N, C-alpha and C. Protein backbone atom coordinates (compact mmCIF):
# COMPACT_ATOMS: atom_id res chain seq x y z
N MET A 1 -18.11 -50.74 69.22
CA MET A 1 -18.44 -52.09 69.63
C MET A 1 -19.03 -52.57 68.51
N LYS A 2 -20.06 -51.91 68.12
CA LYS A 2 -20.74 -52.14 66.91
C LYS A 2 -20.06 -52.57 65.67
N LYS A 3 -19.06 -51.69 65.49
CA LYS A 3 -18.46 -51.70 64.43
C LYS A 3 -17.56 -52.86 64.28
N HIS A 4 -17.40 -53.63 65.61
CA HIS A 4 -16.21 -54.91 65.51
C HIS A 4 -17.31 -55.91 65.51
N LEU A 5 -18.48 -55.80 65.88
CA LEU A 5 -19.47 -56.90 65.82
C LEU A 5 -19.81 -57.26 64.47
N ILE A 6 -19.88 -55.85 63.49
CA ILE A 6 -20.12 -56.13 62.03
C ILE A 6 -18.92 -56.74 61.27
N ILE A 7 -17.68 -56.45 61.63
CA ILE A 7 -16.50 -57.11 61.29
C ILE A 7 -16.33 -58.46 61.28
N ALA A 8 -16.85 -58.91 62.59
CA ALA A 8 -16.83 -60.09 62.93
C ALA A 8 -17.61 -61.22 62.21
N ALA A 9 -19.01 -60.47 62.11
CA ALA A 9 -20.18 -61.28 61.51
C ALA A 9 -19.76 -61.48 60.13
N LEU A 10 -19.17 -60.23 59.25
CA LEU A 10 -18.64 -60.23 57.84
C LEU A 10 -17.65 -61.45 57.65
N ALA A 11 -16.64 -61.61 58.95
CA ALA A 11 -15.55 -62.61 58.52
C ALA A 11 -16.05 -64.02 58.94
N ALA A 12 -17.22 -64.20 59.65
CA ALA A 12 -17.75 -65.53 59.85
C ALA A 12 -18.24 -66.07 58.69
N PHE A 13 -18.99 -64.93 57.95
CA PHE A 13 -19.89 -65.29 56.93
C PHE A 13 -19.18 -65.60 55.72
N GLY A 14 -17.78 -64.93 55.46
CA GLY A 14 -16.96 -65.10 54.37
C GLY A 14 -16.30 -66.63 54.58
N LEU A 15 -15.99 -66.87 55.96
CA LEU A 15 -15.50 -68.45 56.08
C LEU A 15 -16.39 -69.37 55.90
N ALA A 16 -17.70 -69.16 56.02
CA ALA A 16 -18.43 -70.19 55.78
C ALA A 16 -18.84 -70.37 54.18
N SER A 17 -18.73 -69.08 53.26
CA SER A 17 -18.96 -69.22 52.12
C SER A 17 -17.67 -70.03 51.45
N CYS A 18 -16.52 -69.39 51.64
CA CYS A 18 -15.44 -70.07 51.17
C CYS A 18 -15.41 -71.35 51.67
N GLN A 19 -15.71 -72.17 52.55
CA GLN A 19 -15.84 -73.55 52.69
C GLN A 19 -16.86 -74.21 51.94
N GLY A 20 -17.85 -73.65 51.58
CA GLY A 20 -18.66 -74.23 50.69
C GLY A 20 -18.37 -73.95 49.15
N PHE A 21 -17.36 -72.95 48.88
CA PHE A 21 -16.95 -72.78 47.83
C PHE A 21 -16.07 -73.85 47.29
N LEU A 22 -15.17 -74.27 48.37
CA LEU A 22 -14.05 -74.74 48.03
C LEU A 22 -14.31 -76.19 48.11
N ASP A 23 -15.35 -76.72 48.35
CA ASP A 23 -15.97 -78.06 48.66
C ASP A 23 -16.02 -78.96 47.05
N GLU A 24 -15.23 -79.85 46.95
CA GLU A 24 -15.20 -80.24 45.55
C GLU A 24 -16.39 -81.59 45.47
N ASP A 25 -16.69 -81.63 43.94
CA ASP A 25 -17.87 -82.37 43.59
C ASP A 25 -17.20 -82.65 42.29
N PRO A 26 -16.25 -83.38 41.88
CA PRO A 26 -15.76 -83.78 40.58
C PRO A 26 -16.52 -84.78 39.94
N LYS A 27 -17.84 -84.42 39.15
CA LYS A 27 -18.64 -85.24 38.57
C LYS A 27 -17.84 -85.36 37.38
N GLY A 28 -17.42 -84.61 36.68
CA GLY A 28 -16.69 -85.01 35.44
C GLY A 28 -15.49 -85.74 35.27
N SER A 29 -14.85 -86.03 36.90
CA SER A 29 -13.78 -87.04 36.81
C SER A 29 -14.20 -88.57 36.57
N ILE A 30 -13.30 -89.14 35.61
CA ILE A 30 -13.30 -90.62 35.32
C ILE A 30 -12.54 -91.32 36.35
N THR A 31 -13.01 -92.11 37.14
CA THR A 31 -12.03 -92.82 37.94
C THR A 31 -12.78 -94.60 37.96
N PRO A 32 -12.04 -95.44 38.34
CA PRO A 32 -12.42 -97.13 38.56
C PRO A 32 -13.93 -96.71 39.19
N GLN A 33 -14.26 -96.14 40.09
CA GLN A 33 -15.54 -95.89 41.01
C GLN A 33 -16.70 -95.59 40.35
N THR A 34 -16.44 -94.58 39.08
CA THR A 34 -17.54 -93.78 38.17
C THR A 34 -17.48 -94.44 37.02
N PHE A 35 -16.23 -95.07 36.46
CA PHE A 35 -16.21 -95.55 34.93
C PHE A 35 -16.91 -96.52 34.57
N TYR A 36 -16.61 -97.93 35.31
CA TYR A 36 -17.06 -98.98 34.84
C TYR A 36 -18.75 -99.30 35.35
N LYS A 37 -19.64 -98.75 34.73
CA LYS A 37 -21.15 -98.87 35.26
C LYS A 37 -21.99 -99.62 33.76
N THR A 38 -21.91 -99.20 32.65
CA THR A 38 -22.49 -99.18 31.46
C THR A 38 -22.13 -100.42 30.66
N THR A 39 -22.79 -100.93 29.54
CA THR A 39 -22.26 -101.78 28.73
C THR A 39 -21.21 -100.88 27.86
N GLU A 40 -21.28 -99.77 27.63
CA GLU A 40 -20.57 -98.74 26.76
C GLU A 40 -19.27 -98.80 27.59
N ASP A 41 -19.22 -98.48 28.62
CA ASP A 41 -18.09 -98.65 29.50
C ASP A 41 -17.10 -99.68 29.37
N LEU A 42 -17.83 -100.63 29.27
CA LEU A 42 -17.01 -101.97 29.38
C LEU A 42 -16.34 -102.38 27.78
N HIS A 43 -17.21 -102.10 27.01
CA HIS A 43 -16.69 -102.02 25.34
C HIS A 43 -15.72 -101.08 25.48
N ALA A 44 -15.52 -99.87 25.81
CA ALA A 44 -14.31 -98.89 25.77
C ALA A 44 -13.19 -99.47 26.79
N ALA A 45 -13.54 -100.04 27.72
CA ALA A 45 -12.36 -100.91 28.37
C ALA A 45 -11.69 -101.95 27.38
N THR A 46 -12.55 -102.84 27.32
CA THR A 46 -11.84 -103.68 26.21
C THR A 46 -11.37 -103.30 25.14
N LEU A 47 -11.76 -102.33 24.42
CA LEU A 47 -11.07 -101.81 23.28
C LEU A 47 -9.84 -100.84 23.71
N GLY A 48 -9.78 -100.56 25.06
CA GLY A 48 -8.38 -99.93 25.16
C GLY A 48 -7.37 -100.99 25.67
N LEU A 49 -7.92 -102.19 26.07
CA LEU A 49 -6.94 -103.22 26.19
C LEU A 49 -6.31 -103.53 24.80
N ALA A 50 -7.11 -103.89 24.35
CA ALA A 50 -6.51 -104.09 22.79
C ALA A 50 -5.57 -103.55 22.06
N LEU A 51 -5.96 -101.81 22.06
CA LEU A 51 -5.10 -100.78 21.70
C LEU A 51 -3.70 -100.85 22.37
N ALA A 52 -3.95 -100.93 23.77
CA ALA A 52 -2.80 -100.85 24.64
C ALA A 52 -1.54 -102.14 23.95
N HIS A 53 -2.44 -103.44 24.05
CA HIS A 53 -1.30 -104.51 23.65
C HIS A 53 -0.75 -104.26 22.04
N ASN A 54 -1.94 -103.66 21.37
CA ASN A 54 -1.39 -103.52 19.87
C ASN A 54 0.17 -102.69 19.83
N LEU A 55 0.42 -101.78 20.97
CA LEU A 55 1.38 -100.93 20.71
C LEU A 55 2.98 -101.76 20.98
N ALA A 56 2.68 -102.98 21.52
CA ALA A 56 3.91 -103.74 21.62
C ALA A 56 4.22 -103.99 20.43
N TRP A 57 3.65 -104.08 19.25
CA TRP A 57 3.64 -105.01 17.96
C TRP A 57 3.39 -104.03 16.71
N ASN A 58 3.20 -102.61 17.10
CA ASN A 58 3.07 -101.94 15.80
C ASN A 58 4.16 -101.16 15.34
N GLN A 59 5.51 -101.27 16.12
CA GLN A 59 6.47 -100.61 15.29
C GLN A 59 7.73 -102.02 15.34
N THR A 60 8.48 -101.81 14.38
CA THR A 60 9.59 -102.99 14.15
C THR A 60 10.20 -103.52 15.34
N GLY A 61 10.53 -102.61 16.27
CA GLY A 61 11.52 -102.53 17.43
C GLY A 61 10.62 -103.78 18.55
N GLY A 62 9.20 -103.74 18.53
CA GLY A 62 8.51 -104.58 19.24
C GLY A 62 8.76 -105.98 18.95
N MET A 63 9.30 -106.14 17.61
CA MET A 63 9.39 -107.71 17.18
C MET A 63 10.84 -108.17 17.18
N ALA A 64 11.68 -107.23 18.02
CA ALA A 64 13.29 -107.56 18.26
C ALA A 64 13.48 -109.03 19.12
N THR A 65 12.72 -109.11 20.17
CA THR A 65 12.84 -110.24 20.92
C THR A 65 12.72 -111.69 19.92
N THR A 66 11.87 -111.55 18.66
CA THR A 66 11.75 -112.70 18.37
C THR A 66 13.06 -112.81 17.01
N PHE A 67 13.83 -112.33 16.96
CA PHE A 67 15.07 -112.34 16.31
C PHE A 67 16.29 -113.33 16.50
N GLY A 68 15.95 -113.86 17.51
CA GLY A 68 16.72 -114.94 18.13
C GLY A 68 16.30 -116.48 17.03
N SER A 69 14.99 -116.31 16.32
CA SER A 69 14.79 -117.52 15.95
C SER A 69 15.45 -117.52 14.36
N ASP A 70 15.20 -118.81 13.74
CA ASP A 70 16.01 -119.13 12.20
C ASP A 70 15.20 -118.14 11.39
N ASP A 71 14.19 -117.81 11.86
CA ASP A 71 13.12 -117.33 10.66
C ASP A 71 13.48 -115.88 10.22
N ILE A 72 14.10 -115.23 11.14
CA ILE A 72 14.15 -113.69 10.83
C ILE A 72 15.66 -113.33 11.32
N THR A 73 16.25 -112.40 10.40
CA THR A 73 17.49 -111.94 10.86
C THR A 73 17.72 -110.47 10.69
N THR A 74 19.00 -110.27 10.83
CA THR A 74 19.24 -108.35 10.37
C THR A 74 20.90 -108.53 10.44
N HIS A 75 21.18 -107.33 9.80
CA HIS A 75 22.62 -106.96 9.93
C HIS A 75 22.84 -106.02 10.98
N ALA A 76 23.88 -106.31 11.21
CA ALA A 76 24.63 -105.10 12.62
C ALA A 76 24.88 -103.63 12.24
N GLY A 77 24.70 -103.10 10.88
CA GLY A 77 25.05 -101.99 10.74
C GLY A 77 23.95 -101.07 11.03
N GLY A 78 24.40 -99.43 11.21
CA GLY A 78 23.52 -98.50 11.42
C GLY A 78 22.75 -98.79 12.44
N ASN A 79 21.31 -98.40 12.45
CA ASN A 79 20.48 -98.41 13.92
C ASN A 79 19.98 -100.10 14.22
N LYS A 80 20.55 -100.96 13.50
CA LYS A 80 19.96 -102.27 13.67
C LYS A 80 20.57 -103.12 14.95
N THR A 81 21.58 -102.29 15.62
CA THR A 81 22.42 -103.25 16.44
C THR A 81 21.34 -103.62 17.74
N GLY A 82 20.27 -103.11 17.83
CA GLY A 82 19.12 -103.72 18.72
C GLY A 82 18.76 -104.91 18.49
N PHE A 83 18.48 -105.13 17.05
CA PHE A 83 17.86 -106.22 16.67
C PHE A 83 18.95 -107.20 16.54
N ALA A 84 20.48 -107.05 16.22
CA ALA A 84 21.32 -107.87 15.88
C ALA A 84 21.66 -108.31 17.18
N ASP A 85 21.50 -108.03 18.37
CA ASP A 85 21.82 -108.49 19.63
C ASP A 85 20.87 -109.56 20.01
N PHE A 86 19.92 -109.41 19.79
CA PHE A 86 18.87 -110.64 19.95
C PHE A 86 19.27 -111.88 18.82
N ASP A 87 19.61 -111.45 17.54
CA ASP A 87 20.04 -112.34 16.67
C ASP A 87 20.96 -113.43 17.23
N VAL A 88 21.96 -112.77 17.84
CA VAL A 88 23.01 -113.68 17.98
C VAL A 88 23.17 -113.83 19.88
N PHE A 89 21.94 -113.70 20.20
CA PHE A 89 21.62 -114.00 21.97
C PHE A 89 22.38 -113.40 22.77
N ARG A 90 22.65 -112.16 22.46
CA ARG A 90 23.35 -111.25 23.45
C ARG A 90 22.57 -109.98 24.02
N ALA A 91 21.38 -110.42 23.97
CA ALA A 91 20.60 -108.75 24.29
C ALA A 91 20.78 -108.44 26.03
N ASN A 92 20.76 -107.34 26.33
CA ASN A 92 20.98 -107.14 27.79
C ASN A 92 20.14 -106.22 28.18
N ALA A 93 20.20 -105.59 29.48
CA ALA A 93 19.13 -104.58 29.87
C ALA A 93 19.44 -103.17 29.13
N SER A 94 20.54 -103.02 28.56
CA SER A 94 20.46 -101.67 27.90
C SER A 94 19.85 -101.56 26.41
N ASN A 95 19.69 -102.93 25.94
CA ASN A 95 18.96 -103.11 24.65
C ASN A 95 18.01 -102.00 24.33
N ASP A 96 18.09 -101.49 23.12
CA ASP A 96 16.88 -100.01 22.86
C ASP A 96 15.98 -100.47 22.66
N ARG A 97 15.43 -101.68 22.27
CA ARG A 97 14.53 -102.50 21.86
C ARG A 97 13.21 -102.97 22.66
N MET A 98 14.14 -103.19 23.98
CA MET A 98 13.30 -103.66 24.71
C MET A 98 12.27 -103.34 25.33
N PRO A 99 12.45 -101.59 25.96
CA PRO A 99 11.33 -101.18 26.46
C PRO A 99 10.02 -101.09 26.03
N ILE A 100 10.27 -101.35 24.43
CA ILE A 100 8.85 -101.42 23.86
C ILE A 100 7.74 -102.43 24.42
N TRP A 101 8.42 -103.51 24.59
CA TRP A 101 7.31 -104.47 24.93
C TRP A 101 7.14 -104.28 26.53
N TRP A 102 8.19 -104.01 27.17
CA TRP A 102 8.18 -103.63 28.77
C TRP A 102 6.90 -102.68 29.06
N ASP A 103 6.76 -101.59 28.64
CA ASP A 103 6.33 -100.79 28.77
C ASP A 103 4.59 -100.93 28.32
N ASN A 104 4.40 -101.33 27.31
CA ASN A 104 3.45 -101.72 26.71
C ASN A 104 2.69 -102.90 27.00
N PHE A 105 3.29 -103.76 27.50
CA PHE A 105 2.85 -105.13 28.26
C PHE A 105 2.40 -104.82 29.69
N TYR A 106 3.00 -103.93 30.51
CA TYR A 106 2.76 -103.31 31.67
C TYR A 106 1.40 -102.58 31.40
N LYS A 107 1.44 -101.40 30.71
CA LYS A 107 0.47 -100.83 30.53
C LYS A 107 -0.98 -101.58 30.29
N THR A 108 -1.02 -102.85 29.42
CA THR A 108 -2.05 -103.50 29.19
C THR A 108 -2.62 -104.41 30.30
N ILE A 109 -1.68 -104.64 31.22
CA ILE A 109 -2.07 -105.18 32.61
C ILE A 109 -2.20 -104.47 33.59
N LYS A 110 -1.75 -103.32 33.61
CA LYS A 110 -2.61 -102.09 34.58
C LYS A 110 -4.15 -102.00 34.16
N SER A 111 -4.23 -101.89 32.95
CA SER A 111 -5.68 -101.93 32.55
C SER A 111 -6.44 -102.94 32.97
N ALA A 112 -5.79 -104.11 32.37
CA ALA A 112 -6.58 -105.50 32.72
C ALA A 112 -6.63 -105.74 34.21
N ASN A 113 -5.99 -105.30 34.88
CA ASN A 113 -5.94 -105.39 36.23
C ASN A 113 -7.24 -104.81 36.86
N SER A 114 -7.53 -103.27 36.26
CA SER A 114 -8.62 -102.28 36.75
C SER A 114 -9.94 -103.24 36.10
N LEU A 115 -9.80 -103.73 35.03
CA LEU A 115 -11.03 -104.35 34.47
C LEU A 115 -11.62 -105.57 35.08
N ILE A 116 -10.70 -106.21 35.15
CA ILE A 116 -10.84 -107.64 36.38
C ILE A 116 -11.45 -106.96 37.72
N ALA A 117 -11.01 -106.22 38.25
CA ALA A 117 -11.52 -105.33 39.41
C ALA A 117 -12.74 -105.17 39.68
N ASN A 118 -12.88 -104.28 38.61
CA ASN A 118 -14.38 -103.48 38.55
C ASN A 118 -15.37 -103.99 37.77
N TYR A 119 -15.44 -104.91 36.61
CA TYR A 119 -16.30 -105.40 35.64
C TYR A 119 -17.64 -105.77 36.44
N PRO A 120 -17.43 -106.40 37.49
CA PRO A 120 -18.55 -106.98 38.42
C PRO A 120 -19.42 -105.73 38.63
N ASN A 121 -19.13 -104.70 38.74
CA ASN A 121 -19.77 -103.51 39.52
C ASN A 121 -20.60 -102.55 38.18
N ALA A 122 -20.36 -103.14 36.90
CA ALA A 122 -21.10 -102.45 35.84
C ALA A 122 -22.92 -102.84 36.15
N SER A 123 -23.42 -102.14 36.65
CA SER A 123 -24.78 -102.58 36.81
C SER A 123 -25.56 -102.21 35.80
N GLY A 124 -25.14 -101.29 34.97
CA GLY A 124 -25.79 -101.01 33.85
C GLY A 124 -25.75 -101.85 32.46
N ALA A 125 -24.91 -102.90 32.83
CA ALA A 125 -24.57 -103.81 31.75
C ALA A 125 -25.32 -105.63 31.99
N SER A 126 -25.47 -106.07 30.80
CA SER A 126 -25.88 -107.42 31.15
C SER A 126 -25.07 -108.16 31.72
N GLU A 127 -25.12 -109.39 32.20
CA GLU A 127 -24.45 -110.47 32.95
C GLU A 127 -23.80 -110.81 31.75
N THR A 128 -24.13 -110.92 30.42
CA THR A 128 -23.21 -111.53 29.40
C THR A 128 -22.05 -110.56 29.00
N ASP A 129 -22.89 -109.18 29.37
CA ASP A 129 -21.60 -108.15 28.87
C ASP A 129 -20.28 -108.19 29.89
N ARG A 130 -20.84 -108.28 31.22
CA ARG A 130 -19.63 -108.34 32.27
C ARG A 130 -18.97 -109.66 32.11
N GLN A 131 -19.59 -110.72 31.73
CA GLN A 131 -18.75 -111.63 31.58
C GLN A 131 -17.81 -111.57 30.59
N ASN A 132 -18.37 -111.20 29.28
CA ASN A 132 -17.26 -111.07 28.14
C ASN A 132 -16.21 -109.96 28.45
N ALA A 133 -16.43 -109.06 29.44
CA ALA A 133 -15.34 -107.90 29.38
C ALA A 133 -14.37 -108.38 30.61
N GLY A 134 -14.85 -109.54 31.45
CA GLY A 134 -14.10 -109.90 32.34
C GLY A 134 -13.18 -110.97 31.65
N GLY A 135 -13.61 -111.49 30.87
CA GLY A 135 -13.05 -112.58 29.97
C GLY A 135 -11.54 -111.75 28.99
N VAL A 136 -12.03 -110.74 28.55
CA VAL A 136 -11.21 -110.31 27.70
C VAL A 136 -9.91 -109.61 28.65
N GLY A 137 -10.37 -109.27 29.75
CA GLY A 137 -9.26 -108.79 30.89
C GLY A 137 -8.42 -109.67 31.06
N HIS A 138 -8.99 -110.83 31.47
CA HIS A 138 -7.98 -112.42 31.89
C HIS A 138 -7.27 -112.63 30.48
N PHE A 139 -7.69 -112.40 29.54
CA PHE A 139 -6.76 -113.01 28.39
C PHE A 139 -5.75 -112.18 28.30
N TYR A 140 -5.87 -110.76 27.88
CA TYR A 140 -4.84 -109.85 27.62
C TYR A 140 -3.88 -109.94 28.62
N ARG A 141 -4.16 -110.29 30.28
CA ARG A 141 -3.33 -110.24 31.28
C ARG A 141 -2.48 -111.38 31.01
N ALA A 142 -3.23 -112.59 30.56
CA ALA A 142 -2.47 -113.71 30.42
C ALA A 142 -1.29 -113.45 29.36
N LEU A 143 -1.76 -113.24 28.02
CA LEU A 143 -0.97 -112.90 27.08
C LEU A 143 0.18 -112.16 27.32
N SER A 144 -0.06 -110.90 28.17
CA SER A 144 0.90 -110.14 28.46
C SER A 144 2.15 -110.54 29.36
N TYR A 145 1.64 -111.19 30.49
CA TYR A 145 2.88 -111.82 31.17
C TYR A 145 3.21 -113.08 30.52
N PHE A 146 2.61 -113.83 29.69
CA PHE A 146 3.38 -114.86 28.72
C PHE A 146 4.73 -114.08 27.99
N PHE A 147 4.34 -113.07 26.94
CA PHE A 147 5.38 -112.54 26.55
C PHE A 147 6.70 -111.81 27.38
N LEU A 148 6.33 -111.40 28.78
CA LEU A 148 7.19 -110.68 29.68
C LEU A 148 8.16 -111.96 30.20
N THR A 149 7.42 -112.92 30.67
CA THR A 149 8.26 -113.87 31.27
C THR A 149 9.36 -114.72 30.33
N ARG A 150 8.68 -114.87 29.06
CA ARG A 150 9.74 -115.60 28.13
C ARG A 150 10.68 -114.67 27.56
N THR A 151 10.43 -113.44 27.81
CA THR A 151 11.75 -112.62 27.32
C THR A 151 12.64 -112.32 28.86
N TRP A 152 11.95 -111.85 29.99
CA TRP A 152 13.01 -111.98 31.02
C TRP A 152 12.96 -112.75 31.99
N GLY A 153 12.54 -113.64 32.01
CA GLY A 153 12.17 -114.79 33.00
C GLY A 153 11.54 -114.08 34.30
N GLU A 154 11.97 -113.85 35.22
CA GLU A 154 11.42 -113.09 36.41
C GLU A 154 11.14 -111.73 36.20
N VAL A 155 10.13 -111.70 36.46
CA VAL A 155 9.43 -110.08 36.36
C VAL A 155 8.32 -109.76 37.41
N PRO A 156 8.24 -108.49 37.65
CA PRO A 156 7.25 -108.22 38.75
C PRO A 156 5.84 -108.62 38.17
N MET A 157 4.97 -109.11 39.21
CA MET A 157 3.60 -109.73 38.71
C MET A 157 2.76 -109.19 39.54
N PRO A 158 2.38 -107.62 39.20
CA PRO A 158 0.90 -107.09 40.24
C PRO A 158 0.06 -107.42 39.57
N LEU A 159 -0.95 -108.01 40.33
CA LEU A 159 -2.43 -108.27 40.07
C LEU A 159 -3.33 -107.20 40.43
N GLU A 160 -3.26 -106.22 40.77
CA GLU A 160 -3.81 -104.75 41.04
C GLU A 160 -3.51 -103.98 40.30
N ALA A 161 -4.42 -103.01 39.73
CA ALA A 161 -4.25 -101.74 38.87
C ALA A 161 -3.35 -100.89 39.37
N SER A 162 -2.98 -100.73 40.67
CA SER A 162 -1.99 -99.91 41.04
C SER A 162 -0.32 -99.88 40.60
N LEU A 163 -0.14 -101.24 40.13
CA LEU A 163 1.30 -101.79 39.75
C LEU A 163 2.29 -101.27 40.89
N THR A 164 2.00 -101.44 42.04
CA THR A 164 2.77 -100.99 43.33
C THR A 164 4.20 -102.03 43.04
N PRO A 165 5.39 -101.39 43.29
CA PRO A 165 6.69 -102.07 43.09
C PRO A 165 6.74 -103.17 44.07
N GLN A 166 7.16 -104.13 43.89
CA GLN A 166 7.21 -105.72 44.28
C GLN A 166 8.39 -106.40 43.99
N ASN A 167 8.49 -107.49 44.49
CA ASN A 167 9.94 -108.50 44.02
C ASN A 167 9.31 -109.17 42.89
N ASN A 168 10.46 -109.60 42.08
CA ASN A 168 10.17 -110.30 41.02
C ASN A 168 9.29 -111.51 41.18
N ALA A 169 8.59 -111.90 40.43
CA ALA A 169 8.17 -113.47 40.55
C ALA A 169 8.76 -114.47 39.59
N LYS A 170 8.61 -115.73 40.18
CA LYS A 170 9.63 -116.57 39.09
C LYS A 170 8.75 -116.90 38.12
N PRO A 171 9.21 -117.52 37.11
CA PRO A 171 8.34 -117.78 35.72
C PRO A 171 7.18 -119.07 36.30
N GLN A 172 7.58 -119.95 37.33
CA GLN A 172 6.75 -121.18 37.34
C GLN A 172 5.47 -120.31 38.12
N GLU A 173 5.60 -119.25 38.95
CA GLU A 173 4.75 -118.57 39.65
C GLU A 173 3.62 -117.97 38.70
N ILE A 174 4.30 -117.03 37.52
CA ILE A 174 3.90 -116.47 36.30
C ILE A 174 3.01 -117.26 35.58
N TYR A 175 3.49 -118.61 35.25
CA TYR A 175 2.72 -119.41 34.34
C TYR A 175 1.60 -120.15 35.16
N ALA A 176 1.79 -120.09 36.37
CA ALA A 176 0.29 -120.27 37.06
C ALA A 176 -0.43 -119.35 36.95
N VAL A 177 -0.36 -118.15 37.10
CA VAL A 177 -1.38 -117.04 36.83
C VAL A 177 -1.92 -117.19 35.20
N ILE A 178 -0.67 -117.23 34.39
CA ILE A 178 -1.41 -117.32 32.88
C ILE A 178 -2.31 -118.57 32.64
N VAL A 179 -1.99 -119.42 33.11
CA VAL A 179 -2.91 -120.72 33.24
C VAL A 179 -4.22 -120.44 33.93
N ALA A 180 -4.25 -120.03 34.81
CA ALA A 180 -5.64 -119.53 35.68
C ALA A 180 -6.36 -118.39 34.69
N ASP A 181 -5.54 -117.45 34.36
CA ASP A 181 -6.35 -116.51 33.65
C ASP A 181 -7.19 -116.89 32.36
N LEU A 182 -6.49 -117.79 31.87
CA LEU A 182 -6.68 -118.56 30.40
C LEU A 182 -8.03 -119.28 30.46
N GLN A 183 -7.85 -120.11 31.70
CA GLN A 183 -8.89 -121.04 32.09
C GLN A 183 -10.26 -120.23 32.03
N LYS A 184 -10.12 -119.14 33.12
CA LYS A 184 -11.27 -118.09 33.24
C LYS A 184 -11.81 -117.54 31.97
N ALA A 185 -10.94 -116.95 30.94
CA ALA A 185 -11.07 -116.36 29.90
C ALA A 185 -11.99 -117.57 29.04
N GLU A 186 -11.75 -118.73 29.30
CA GLU A 186 -12.30 -119.59 28.12
C GLU A 186 -13.82 -119.85 28.48
N THR A 187 -13.96 -119.86 29.97
CA THR A 187 -15.45 -119.95 30.54
C THR A 187 -16.18 -118.72 30.48
N MET A 188 -15.29 -117.28 30.15
CA MET A 188 -16.34 -116.27 30.27
C MET A 188 -16.26 -115.64 28.61
N LEU A 189 -15.72 -116.15 28.05
CA LEU A 189 -15.94 -115.76 26.45
C LEU A 189 -16.33 -116.43 25.40
N PRO A 190 -17.19 -115.99 24.29
CA PRO A 190 -18.09 -116.81 23.88
C PRO A 190 -17.37 -117.44 22.54
N ASP A 191 -17.86 -118.66 22.31
CA ASP A 191 -17.22 -119.40 21.04
C ASP A 191 -17.15 -118.63 19.91
N GLY A 192 -18.02 -117.56 19.35
CA GLY A 192 -17.63 -116.61 18.44
C GLY A 192 -18.14 -115.44 18.76
N TRP A 193 -17.39 -114.36 17.92
CA TRP A 193 -17.83 -112.79 18.67
C TRP A 193 -18.42 -112.08 17.49
N THR A 194 -19.35 -111.52 17.72
CA THR A 194 -20.33 -110.53 16.81
C THR A 194 -19.92 -109.13 17.27
N ALA A 195 -19.61 -108.32 16.22
CA ALA A 195 -19.11 -106.88 16.57
C ALA A 195 -19.30 -106.21 15.27
N PRO A 196 -19.34 -104.88 15.53
CA PRO A 196 -19.15 -103.85 14.14
C PRO A 196 -17.66 -104.22 13.45
N ALA A 197 -17.61 -104.44 12.33
CA ALA A 197 -16.63 -104.53 11.60
C ALA A 197 -15.75 -102.93 11.63
N ALA A 198 -14.59 -102.69 11.54
CA ALA A 198 -13.93 -101.38 11.56
C ALA A 198 -14.31 -100.97 10.35
N ARG A 199 -14.49 -99.87 10.02
CA ARG A 199 -14.46 -98.78 8.69
C ARG A 199 -15.86 -99.24 8.23
N THR A 200 -16.23 -100.18 8.09
CA THR A 200 -17.45 -100.83 7.13
C THR A 200 -18.83 -100.37 7.75
N GLY A 201 -19.10 -100.62 9.30
CA GLY A 201 -20.24 -100.60 10.22
C GLY A 201 -20.97 -101.82 9.72
N GLN A 202 -20.12 -103.00 9.34
CA GLN A 202 -21.00 -104.09 9.09
C GLN A 202 -20.85 -105.10 10.21
N ILE A 203 -21.59 -105.89 10.55
CA ILE A 203 -21.41 -106.86 11.49
C ILE A 203 -20.65 -108.25 11.28
N SER A 204 -19.57 -108.38 11.86
CA SER A 204 -18.63 -109.46 11.80
C SER A 204 -18.84 -110.68 12.58
N PHE A 205 -18.41 -111.68 12.27
CA PHE A 205 -18.85 -112.96 12.90
C PHE A 205 -17.43 -113.56 12.98
N ARG A 206 -16.44 -113.78 14.20
CA ARG A 206 -15.48 -114.69 13.78
C ARG A 206 -15.93 -116.05 14.66
N PRO A 207 -15.87 -117.05 13.68
CA PRO A 207 -16.06 -118.37 14.46
C PRO A 207 -15.14 -118.91 15.28
N LYS A 208 -14.97 -119.92 16.28
CA LYS A 208 -14.38 -120.45 16.84
C LYS A 208 -13.21 -121.40 16.19
N ALA A 209 -11.94 -121.07 16.61
CA ALA A 209 -10.91 -121.72 15.63
C ALA A 209 -10.90 -123.27 16.16
N PRO A 210 -10.76 -124.13 15.01
CA PRO A 210 -10.49 -125.63 15.49
C PRO A 210 -9.68 -126.02 16.43
N PRO A 211 -10.09 -127.11 17.36
CA PRO A 211 -9.14 -127.30 17.99
C PRO A 211 -7.39 -127.38 17.53
N ARG A 212 -6.55 -127.38 18.52
CA ARG A 212 -5.54 -127.61 18.24
C ARG A 212 -4.41 -127.67 19.42
N ARG A 213 -3.31 -128.04 19.28
CA ARG A 213 -2.37 -128.07 20.71
C ARG A 213 -2.25 -126.67 21.17
N SER A 214 -2.46 -126.62 22.71
CA SER A 214 -2.28 -125.36 23.00
C SER A 214 -0.72 -124.59 22.94
N TRP A 215 -0.58 -123.39 22.92
CA TRP A 215 0.70 -122.66 22.47
C TRP A 215 1.45 -122.87 24.09
N LEU A 216 0.67 -122.90 25.20
CA LEU A 216 1.25 -122.98 26.26
C LEU A 216 2.21 -124.26 26.71
N THR A 217 2.10 -125.24 25.65
CA THR A 217 2.85 -126.28 25.88
C THR A 217 4.41 -126.13 25.41
N TYR A 218 4.65 -124.97 24.26
CA TYR A 218 6.02 -124.68 23.89
C TYR A 218 6.60 -123.58 24.92
N THR A 219 6.89 -123.98 25.87
CA THR A 219 7.29 -123.26 26.75
C THR A 219 8.98 -123.66 27.36
């Protein structure tokens, strides 16, 4: 009997120990709930947006959709068929150049949605830094949707970071979001931007551009 009691006690102790051992406390995991806290976090998020958006342009294939203009053309030989299809206005869903914009603009939108949803929670940042970060999020989301709807017309328009599948939105609905985002960005971003210049460590200042006709009118 004593032997059975000892075995039962050891088993109970082992179960209690295992339960505590298996409890997770992932302090090193980066999630939206733990990331957007400081000025440095917001700076990293806005830099990530710029880098994601740049991926849509940093290879020639990302320029394929512009080949329908009179300013740029290509021959149809070799691996240039994807460009030539845009050149003569016959590009379709199988065009091998189109995924570059689609993938990278939606990556930008996913990150922008996350930043827009979470920048107000950055308690370790100043109000100015929070507003600037939110403005960057709205600007890049607007820019990404602009190029998507100009190329594909009706496209999915997720406004949350999850990018859950949904029906396509009509261009007029997308343009309403674009205009609203740009209006918010205009009120949240500074007229000029002061930041460390790349490579040199110097402080650069980019003044506000002179007024001109909005590119949104060319739709």
